[in-house]
Amino acid sequence: MEHMSATWLAEAALAADRQGTGNLLRVVLIVMVVGCVLAAWFLLSGYRRK
């Protein structure tokens, strides 16, 4: 099992090297925007309650 995970990790690293940082940057930006929206909703929902 350990050999399979090491092989998978090496293949993932090679695939990421070929694709560049474009996909990673896209995922980070999407997660950041969704996180900001959820944080704003959570903080602003407290103002409606009295």
C-alpha atoms as a PDB file:
ATOM      1  CA  MET A   1       0.000   0.000   0.000  1.00  0.00           C
ATOM      2  CA  GLU A   2       2.858   2.353   0.799  1.00  0.00           C
ATOM      3  CA  HIS A   3       4.354   1.813  -2.643  1.00  0.00           C
ATOM      4  CA  MET A   4       1.043   2.673  -4.335  1.00  0.00           C
ATOM      5  CA  SER A   5       0.684   5.963  -2.458  1.00  0.00           C
ATOM      6  CA  ALA A   6       4.256   6.976  -3.258  1.00  0.00           C
ATOM      7  CA  THR A   7       3.704   6.196  -6.948  1.00  0.00           C
ATOM      8  CA  TRP A   8       0.456   8.164  -6.986  1.00  0.00           C
ATOM      9  CA  LEU A   9       2.155  11.114  -5.315  1.00  0.00           C
ATOM     10  CA  ALA A  10       4.984  11.089  -7.853  1.00  0.00           C
ATOM     11  CA  GLU A  11       2.554  10.946 -10.760  1.00  0.00           C
ATOM     12  CA  ALA A  12       0.531  13.820  -9.283  1.00  0.00           C
ATOM     13  CA  ALA A  13       3.687  15.901  -8.918  1.00  0.00           C
ATOM     14  CA  LEU A  14       4.650  15.250 -12.539  1.00  0.00           C
ATOM     15  CA  ALA A  15       1.155  16.156 -13.742  1.00  0.00           C
ATOM     16  CA  ALA A  16       1.187  19.372 -11.710  1.00  0.00           C
ATOM     17  CA  ASP A  17       4.573  20.262 -13.152  1.00  0.00           C
ATOM     18  CA  ARG A  18       3.249  19.882 -16.695  1.00  0.00           C
ATOM     19  CA  GLN A  19       0.101  21.904 -16.050  1.00  0.00           C
ATOM     20  CA  GLY A  20       1.810  24.766 -14.288  1.00  0.00           C
ATOM     21  CA  THR A  21       0.270  26.855 -11.540  1.00  0.00           C
ATOM     22  CA  GLY A  22      -2.815  27.957 -13.471  1.00  0.00           C
ATOM     23  CA  ASN A  23      -5.164  25.331 -12.068  1.00  0.00           C
ATOM     24  CA  LEU A  24      -3.855  25.743  -8.533  1.00  0.00           C
ATOM     25  CA  LEU A  25      -4.275  29.512  -8.696  1.00  0.00           C
ATOM     26  CA  ARG A  26      -7.806  29.104 -10.047  1.00  0.00           C
ATOM     27  CA  VAL A  27      -8.765  26.768  -7.187  1.00  0.00           C
ATOM     28  CA  VAL A  28      -7.211  29.066  -4.572  1.00  0.00           C
ATOM     29  CA  LEU A  29      -9.084  32.079  -5.937  1.00  0.00           C
ATOM     30  CA  ILE A  30     -12.422  30.239  -6.036  1.00  0.00           C
ATOM     31  CA  VAL A  31     -11.995  28.974  -2.467  1.00  0.00           C
ATOM     32  CA  MET A  32     -10.997  32.458  -1.308  1.00  0.00           C
ATOM     33  CA  VAL A  33     -14.057  34.090  -2.897  1.00  0.00           C
ATOM     34  CA  VAL A  34     -16.421  31.452  -1.509  1.00  0.00           C
ATOM     35  CA  GLY A  35     -14.808  31.821   1.925  1.00  0.00           C
ATOM     36  CA  CYS A  36     -15.224  35.604   1.847  1.00  0.00           C
ATOM     37  CA  VAL A  37     -18.879  35.286   0.865  1.00  0.00           C
ATOM     38  CA  LEU A  38     -19.552  32.792   3.661  1.00  0.00           C
ATOM     39  CA  ALA A  39     -17.701  34.930   6.224  1.00  0.00           C
ATOM     40  CA  ALA A  40     -19.626  38.044   5.175  1.00  0.00           C
ATOM     41  CA  TRP A  41     -22.931  36.165   5.353  1.00  0.00           C
ATOM     42  CA  PHE A  42     -22.064  34.813   8.802  1.00  0.00           C
ATOM     43  CA  LEU A  43     -21.004  38.200  10.154  1.00  0.00           C
ATOM     44  CA  LEU A  44     -23.854  40.178   8.610  1.00  0.00           C
ATOM     45  CA  SER A  45     -26.537  37.682   9.667  1.00  0.00           C
ATOM     46  CA  GLY A  46     -25.834  38.621  13.277  1.00  0.00           C
ATOM     47  CA  TYR A  47     -26.955  42.201  12.694  1.00  0.00           C
ATOM     48  CA  ARG A  48     -30.494  41.116  11.788  1.00  0.00           C
ATOM     49  CA  ARG A  49     -31.049  39.425  15.129  1.00  0.00           C
ATOM     50  CA  LYS A  50     -31.774  41.694  18.078  1.00  0.00           C
END
